[in-house]
Each structure stands twice: as structure tokens, then as C-alpha cells.
């Protein structure tokens, strides 16, 4: 990344937007809304199992490890 810009709400100090600029001059902007702080999280929130519901397409690709 070439640059990262963050915007914060002056009153709450919560992030409101982030902008990144990569080496190819591609800019990505993400606007954050409906931020919830100190929310109760269950173990399911951290579940990384693949989805089994209809409508999902799963592509698995191995990335070569150059150190091997």
C-alpha cells in the first residue's frame, strides 16, 4: 500500500471511513456505518467453517510457497 487515510467522528472518536491507495494507484474507500461497540459475541461469530447453505460457490486455490 502507498497510503491509508482514516476518518473519525470528532465526538465519539469512532472510525467513519478508510481510504487506501495501492502501488498501481487504485483507490479503495470503505464507509463505516451502524458501528456497534462492546457487543456481546458468541463463538459462532468466530466460526470459519465453509458455508453449506444453497447459493454459495466455493473456490479453493493453493498458493505456491516460494521458500520450498
PDB file of N, CA and C in Angstrom:
ATOM      1  N   UNK A   1       0.827  -1.183   0.000  1.00  0.00           N
ATOM      2  CA  UNK A   1       0.000   0.000   0.000  1.00  0.00           C
ATOM      3  C   UNK A   1       0.871   1.248   0.000  1.00  0.00           C
ATOM      4  N   UNK A   2       0.409   2.237  -0.711  1.00  0.00           N
ATOM      5  CA  UNK A   2       1.104   3.509  -0.768  1.00  0.00           C
ATOM      6  C   UNK A   2       0.612   4.454   0.314  1.00  0.00           C
ATOM      7  N   UNK A   3      -0.714   4.442   0.586  1.00  0.00           N
ATOM      8  CA  UNK A   3      -1.274   5.354   1.581  1.00  0.00           C
ATOM      9  C   UNK A   3      -2.537   4.764   2.193  1.00  0.00           C
ATOM     10  N   UNK A   4      -2.763   5.098   3.461  1.00  0.00           N
ATOM     11  CA  UNK A   4      -4.007   4.762   4.155  1.00  0.00           C
ATOM     12  C   UNK A   4      -4.474   6.029   4.853  1.00  0.00           C
ATOM     13  N   UNK A   5      -5.712   6.439   4.595  1.00  0.00           N
ATOM     14  CA  UNK A   5      -6.306   7.594   5.265  1.00  0.00           C
ATOM     15  C   UNK A   5      -7.492   7.108   6.093  1.00  0.00           C
ATOM     16  N   UNK A   6      -7.575   7.566   7.338  1.00  0.00           N
ATOM     17  CA  UNK A   6      -8.675   7.218   8.229  1.00  0.00           C
ATOM     18  C   UNK A   6      -9.421   8.477   8.622  1.00  0.00           C
ATOM     19  N   UNK A   7     -10.758   8.389   8.700  1.00  0.00           N
ATOM     20  CA  UNK A   7     -11.586   9.491   9.172  1.00  0.00           C
ATOM     21  C   UNK A   7     -12.301   9.023  10.433  1.00  0.00           C
ATOM     22  N   UNK A   8     -12.380   9.929  11.419  1.00  0.00           N
ATOM     23  CA  UNK A   8     -13.014   9.620  12.698  1.00  0.00           C
ATOM     24  C   UNK A   8     -14.074  10.660  13.020  1.00  0.00           C
ATOM     25  N   UNK A   9     -15.107  10.240  13.742  1.00  0.00           N
ATOM     26  CA  UNK A   9     -16.100  11.153  14.265  1.00  0.00           C
ATOM     27  C   UNK A   9     -15.473  11.924  15.432  1.00  0.00           C
ATOM     28  N   UNK A  10     -15.562  13.244  15.415  1.00  0.00           N
ATOM     29  CA  UNK A  10     -14.920  14.070  16.455  1.00  0.00           C
ATOM     30  C   UNK A  10     -15.490  13.811  17.849  1.00  0.00           C
ATOM     31  N   UNK A  11     -16.782  13.517  17.937  1.00  0.00           N
ATOM     32  CA  UNK A  11     -17.413  13.336  19.253  1.00  0.00           C
ATOM     33  C   UNK A  11     -17.161  11.955  19.838  1.00  0.00           C
ATOM     34  N   UNK A  12     -17.309  10.912  19.019  1.00  0.00           N
ATOM     35  CA  UNK A  12     -17.199   9.538  19.526  1.00  0.00           C
ATOM     36  C   UNK A  12     -15.821   8.925  19.313  1.00  0.00           C
ATOM     37  N   UNK A  13     -15.031   9.532  18.440  1.00  0.00           N
ATOM     38  CA  UNK A  13     -13.725   9.002  18.032  1.00  0.00           C
ATOM     39  C   UNK A  13     -13.827   7.643  17.355  1.00  0.00           C
ATOM     40  N   UNK A  14     -15.024   7.291  16.880  1.00  0.00           N
ATOM     41  CA  UNK A  14     -15.219   6.057  16.129  1.00  0.00           C
ATOM     42  C   UNK A  14     -14.823   6.290  14.678  1.00  0.00           C
ATOM     43  N   UNK A  15     -14.227   5.297  14.025  1.00  0.00           N
ATOM     44  CA  UNK A  15     -13.880   5.450  12.609  1.00  0.00           C
ATOM     45  C   UNK A  15     -15.142   5.560  11.760  1.00  0.00           C
ATOM     46  N   UNK A  16     -15.096   6.416  10.743  1.00  0.00           N
ATOM     47  CA  UNK A  16     -16.238   6.568   9.839  1.00  0.00           C
ATOM     48  C   UNK A  16     -15.908   6.155   8.411  1.00  0.00           C
ATOM     49  N   UNK A  17     -14.642   6.266   8.015  1.00  0.00           N
ATOM     50  CA  UNK A  17     -14.222   5.890   6.659  1.00  0.00           C
ATOM     51  C   UNK A  17     -12.748   5.537   6.662  1.00  0.00           C
ATOM     52  N   UNK A  18     -12.376   4.728   5.669  1.00  0.00           N
ATOM     53  CA  UNK A  18     -10.969   4.426   5.433  1.00  0.00           C
ATOM     54  C   UNK A  18     -10.746   4.415   3.928  1.00  0.00           C
ATOM     55  N   UNK A  19      -9.629   4.965   3.513  1.00  0.00           N
ATOM     56  CA  UNK A  19      -9.274   5.007   2.098  1.00  0.00           C
ATOM     57  C   UNK A  19      -7.862   4.461   1.947  1.00  0.00           C
ATOM     58  N   UNK A  20      -7.671   3.567   0.991  1.00  0.00           N
ATOM     59  CA  UNK A  20      -6.332   3.030   0.719  1.00  0.00           C
ATOM     60  C   UNK A  20      -5.955   3.315  -0.722  1.00  0.00           C
ATOM     61  N   UNK A  21      -4.682   3.487  -0.943  1.00  0.00           N
ATOM     62  CA  UNK A  21      -4.136   3.698  -2.279  1.00  0.00           C
ATOM     63  C   UNK A  21      -2.989   2.707  -2.445  1.00  0.00           C
ATOM     64  N   UNK A  22      -3.087   1.842  -3.471  1.00  0.00           N
ATOM     65  CA  UNK A  22      -2.027   0.857  -3.650  1.00  0.00           C
ATOM     66  C   UNK A  22      -0.992   1.330  -4.672  1.00  0.00           C
ATOM     67  N   UNK A  23       0.007   0.483  -4.900  1.00  0.00           N
ATOM     68  CA  UNK A  23       1.117   0.846  -5.790  1.00  0.00           C
ATOM     69  C   UNK A  23       0.678   1.119  -7.227  1.00  0.00           C
ATOM     70  N   UNK A  24      -0.450   0.547  -7.646  1.00  0.00           N
ATOM     71  CA  UNK A  24      -0.935   0.776  -9.015  1.00  0.00           C
ATOM     72  C   UNK A  24      -1.896   1.965  -9.073  1.00  0.00           C
ATOM     73  N   UNK A  25      -1.939   2.771  -8.008  1.00  0.00           N
ATOM     74  CA  UNK A  25      -2.781   3.960  -7.923  1.00  0.00           C
ATOM     75  C   UNK A  25      -4.274   3.622  -7.854  1.00  0.00           C
ATOM     76  N   UNK A  26      -4.617   2.399  -7.439  1.00  0.00           N
ATOM     77  CA  UNK A  26      -6.007   2.015  -7.245  1.00  0.00           C
ATOM     78  C   UNK A  26      -6.438   2.459  -5.852  1.00  0.00           C
ATOM     79  N   UNK A  27      -7.520   3.227  -5.798  1.00  0.00           N
ATOM     80  CA  UNK A  27      -8.019   3.714  -4.523  1.00  0.00           C
ATOM     81  C   UNK A  27      -9.243   2.908  -4.113  1.00  0.00           C
ATOM     82  N   UNK A  28      -9.289   2.506  -2.846  1.00  0.00           N
ATOM     83  CA  UNK A  28     -10.434   1.817  -2.279  1.00  0.00           C
ATOM     84  C   UNK A  28     -10.920   2.635  -1.096  1.00  0.00           C
ATOM     85  N   UNK A  29     -12.219   2.919  -1.064  1.00  0.00           N
ATOM     86  CA  UNK A  29     -12.809   3.680   0.038  1.00  0.00           C
ATOM     87  C   UNK A  29     -13.899   2.826   0.672  1.00  0.00           C
ATOM     88  N   UNK A  30     -13.851   2.719   2.005  1.00  0.00           N
ATOM     89  CA  UNK A  30     -14.869   1.984   2.752  1.00  0.00           C
ATOM     90  C   UNK A  30     -15.495   2.960   3.739  1.00  0.00           C
ATOM     91  N   UNK A  31     -16.819   3.106   3.663  1.00  0.00           N
ATOM     92  CA  UNK A  31     -17.553   3.943   4.607  1.00  0.00           C
ATOM     93  C   UNK A  31     -18.179   3.038   5.661  1.00  0.00           C
ATOM     94  N   UNK A  32     -17.952   3.355   6.911  1.00  0.00           N
ATOM     95  CA  UNK A  32     -18.445   2.537   8.014  1.00  0.00           C
ATOM     96  C   UNK A  32     -19.715   3.161   8.579  1.00  0.00           C
ATOM     97  N   UNK A  33     -20.713   2.337   8.847  1.00  0.00           N
ATOM     98  CA  UNK A  33     -21.956   2.835   9.434  1.00  0.00           C
ATOM     99  C   UNK A  33     -22.512   1.779  10.386  1.00  0.00           C
ATOM    100  N   UNK A  34     -23.416   2.209  11.231  1.00  0.00           N
ATOM    101  CA  UNK A  34     -24.074   1.328  12.194  1.00  0.00           C
ATOM    102  C   UNK A  34     -23.049   0.550  13.021  1.00  0.00           C
ATOM    103  N   UNK A  35     -22.020   1.237  13.475  1.00  0.00           N
ATOM    104  CA  UNK A  35     -20.977   0.609  14.278  1.00  0.00           C
ATOM    105  C   UNK A  35     -21.528   0.310  15.665  1.00  0.00           C
ATOM    106  N   UNK A  36     -21.316  -0.902  16.132  1.00  0.00           N
ATOM    107  CA  UNK A  36     -21.744  -1.307  17.469  1.00  0.00           C
ATOM    108  C   UNK A  36     -20.493  -1.618  18.272  1.00  0.00           C
ATOM    109  N   UNK A  37     -20.364  -0.983  19.418  1.00  0.00           N
ATOM    110  CA  UNK A  37     -19.206  -1.239  20.277  1.00  0.00           C
ATOM    111  C   UNK A  37     -19.620  -2.062  21.486  1.00  0.00           C
ATOM    112  N   UNK A  38     -18.675  -2.831  21.989  1.00  0.00           N
ATOM    113  CA  UNK A  38     -18.889  -3.656  23.186  1.00  0.00           C
ATOM    114  C   UNK A  38     -20.066  -4.606  23.045  1.00  0.00           C
ATOM    115  N   UNK A  39     -20.299  -5.101  21.835  1.00  0.00           N
ATOM    116  CA  UNK A  39     -21.394  -6.040  21.598  1.00  0.00           C
ATOM    117  C   UNK A  39     -21.005  -7.414  22.129  1.00  0.00           C
ATOM    118  N   UNK A  40     -21.996  -8.128  22.626  1.00  0.00           N
ATOM    119  CA  UNK A  40     -21.772  -9.498  23.063  1.00  0.00           C
ATOM    120  C   UNK A  40     -21.572 -10.379  21.838  1.00  0.00           C
ATOM    121  N   UNK A  41     -20.493 -11.141  21.800  1.00  0.00           N
ATOM    122  CA  UNK A  41     -20.206 -12.023  20.671  1.00  0.00           C
ATOM    123  C   UNK A  41     -20.221 -13.470  21.137  1.00  0.00           C
ATOM    124  N   UNK A  42     -20.824 -14.318  20.319  1.00  0.00           N
ATOM    125  CA  UNK A  42     -20.823 -15.746  20.606  1.00  0.00           C
ATOM    126  C   UNK A  42     -19.672 -16.402  19.858  1.00  0.00           C
ATOM    127  N   UNK A  43     -19.388 -17.642  20.163  1.00  0.00           N
ATOM    128  CA  UNK A  43     -18.341 -18.372  19.453  1.00  0.00           C
ATOM    129  C   UNK A  43     -18.643 -18.466  17.962  1.00  0.00           C
ATOM    130  N   UNK A  44     -19.932 -18.459  17.585  1.00  0.00           N
ATOM    131  CA  UNK A  44     -20.318 -18.540  16.171  1.00  0.00           C
ATOM    132  C   UNK A  44     -19.764 -17.349  15.380  1.00  0.00           C
ATOM    133  N   UNK A  45     -19.575 -16.210  16.007  1.00  0.00           N
ATOM    134  CA  UNK A  45     -19.044 -15.034  15.316  1.00  0.00           C
ATOM    135  C   UNK A  45     -17.624 -15.277  14.816  1.00  0.00           C
ATOM    136  N   UNK A  46     -16.938 -16.243  15.402  1.00  0.00           N
ATOM    137  CA  UNK A  46     -15.559 -16.546  15.022  1.00  0.00           C
ATOM    138  C   UNK A  46     -15.441 -17.866  14.260  1.00  0.00           C
ATOM    139  N   UNK A  47     -16.571 -18.434  13.850  1.00  0.00           N
ATOM    140  CA  UNK A  47     -16.601 -19.703  13.119  1.00  0.00           C
ATOM    141  C   UNK A  47     -16.142 -19.472  11.683  1.00  0.00           C
ATOM    142  N   UNK A  48     -15.127 -20.193  11.254  1.00  0.00           N
ATOM    143  CA  UNK A  48     -14.605 -20.052   9.890  1.00  0.00           C
ATOM    144  C   UNK A  48     -14.955 -21.255   9.007  1.00  0.00           C
ATOM    145  N   UNK A  49     -15.979 -22.002   9.406  1.00  0.00           N
ATOM    146  CA  UNK A  49     -16.424 -23.142   8.593  1.00  0.00           C
ATOM    147  C   UNK A  49     -16.958 -22.646   7.254  1.00  0.00           C
ATOM    148  N   UNK A  50     -16.789 -23.462   6.227  1.00  0.00           N
ATOM    149  CA  UNK A  50     -17.317 -23.117   4.907  1.00  0.00           C
ATOM    150  C   UNK A  50     -18.842 -23.149   4.943  1.00  0.00           C
ATOM    151  N   UNK A  51     -19.507 -22.230   4.230  1.00  0.00           N
ATOM    152  CA  UNK A  51     -20.973 -22.217   4.224  1.00  0.00           C
ATOM    153  C   UNK A  51     -21.522 -23.439   3.498  1.00  0.00           C
ATOM    154  N   UNK A  52     -22.634 -23.965   4.007  1.00  0.00           N
ATOM    155  CA  UNK A  52     -23.267 -25.129   3.381  1.00  0.00           C
ATOM    156  C   UNK A  52     -24.640 -24.765   2.807  1.00  0.00           C
ATOM    157  N   UNK A  53     -25.082 -23.531   3.031  1.00  0.00           N
ATOM    158  CA  UNK A  53     -26.379 -23.103   2.527  1.00  0.00           C
ATOM    159  C   UNK A  53     -26.348 -23.003   1.004  1.00  0.00           C
ATOM    160  N   UNK A  54     -27.493 -23.227   0.336  1.00  0.00           N
ATOM    161  CA  UNK A  54     -27.559 -23.069  -1.124  1.00  0.00           C
ATOM    162  C   UNK A  54     -27.205 -21.635  -1.531  1.00  0.00           C
ATOM    163  N   UNK A  55     -26.613 -21.503  -2.721  1.00  0.00           N
ATOM    164  CA  UNK A  55     -26.306 -20.188  -3.251  1.00  0.00           C
ATOM    165  C   UNK A  55     -24.850 -19.782  -3.104  1.00  0.00           C
ATOM    166  N   UNK A  56     -24.080 -20.524  -2.323  1.00  0.00           N
ATOM    167  CA  UNK A  56     -22.661 -20.212  -2.161  1.00  0.00           C
ATOM    168  C   UNK A  56     -21.836 -20.997  -3.154  1.00  0.00           C
ATOM    169  N   UNK A  57     -20.816 -20.376  -3.710  1.00  0.00           N
ATOM    170  CA  UNK A  57     -19.861 -21.059  -4.574  1.00  0.00           C
ATOM    171  C   UNK A  57     -18.511 -21.006  -3.864  1.00  0.00           C
ATOM    172  N   UNK A  58     -17.857 -22.133  -3.732  1.00  0.00           N
ATOM    173  CA  UNK A  58     -16.582 -22.204  -3.027  1.00  0.00           C
ATOM    174  C   UNK A  58     -15.484 -22.523  -4.022  1.00  0.00           C
ATOM    175  N   UNK A  59     -14.474 -21.662  -4.107  1.00  0.00           N
ATOM    176  CA  UNK A  59     -13.300 -21.875  -4.949  1.00  0.00           C
ATOM    177  C   UNK A  59     -12.095 -22.023  -4.034  1.00  0.00           C
ATOM    178  N   UNK A  60     -11.369 -23.115  -4.191  1.00  0.00           N
ATOM    179  CA  UNK A  60     -10.182 -23.348  -3.375  1.00  0.00           C
ATOM    180  C   UNK A  60      -8.959 -23.331  -4.282  1.00  0.00           C
ATOM    181  N   UNK A  61      -8.002 -22.485  -3.955  1.00  0.00           N
ATOM    182  CA  UNK A  61      -6.774 -22.366  -4.736  1.00  0.00           C
ATOM    183  C   UNK A  61      -5.580 -22.421  -3.807  1.00  0.00           C
ATOM    184  N   UNK A  62      -4.612 -23.225  -4.148  1.00  0.00           N
ATOM    185  CA  UNK A  62      -3.388 -23.285  -3.356  1.00  0.00           C
ATOM    186  C   UNK A  62      -2.426 -22.238  -3.863  1.00  0.00           C
ATOM    187  N   UNK A  63      -1.751 -21.592  -2.943  1.00  0.00           N
ATOM    188  CA  UNK A  63      -0.772 -20.566  -3.278  1.00  0.00           C
ATOM    189  C   UNK A  63       0.610 -21.176  -3.108  1.00  0.00           C
ATOM    190  N   UNK A  64       1.430 -21.054  -4.137  1.00  0.00           N
ATOM    191  CA  UNK A  64       2.784 -21.623  -4.091  1.00  0.00           C
ATOM    192  C   UNK A  64       3.596 -20.932  -3.017  1.00  0.00           C
ATOM    193  N   UNK A  65       4.365 -21.712  -2.292  1.00  0.00           N
ATOM    194  CA  UNK A  65       5.241 -21.188  -1.272  1.00  0.00           C
ATOM    195  C   UNK A  65       6.636 -21.104  -1.883  1.00  0.00           C
ATOM    196  N   UNK A  66       7.137 -19.903  -2.115  1.00  0.00           N
ATOM    197  CA  UNK A  66       8.427 -19.723  -2.778  1.00  0.00           C
ATOM    198  C   UNK A  66       9.607 -20.210  -1.941  1.00  0.00           C
ATOM    199  N   UNK A  67       9.400 -20.412  -0.633  1.00  0.00           N
ATOM    200  CA  UNK A  67      10.509 -20.829   0.219  1.00  0.00           C
ATOM    201  C   UNK A  67      10.729 -22.333   0.182  1.00  0.00           C
ATOM    202  N   UNK A  68       9.870 -23.080  -0.491  1.00  0.00           N
ATOM    203  CA  UNK A  68      10.052 -24.541  -0.568  1.00  0.00           C
ATOM    204  C   UNK A  68      10.927 -24.931  -1.719  1.00  0.00           C
TER     205      UNK A  68
END
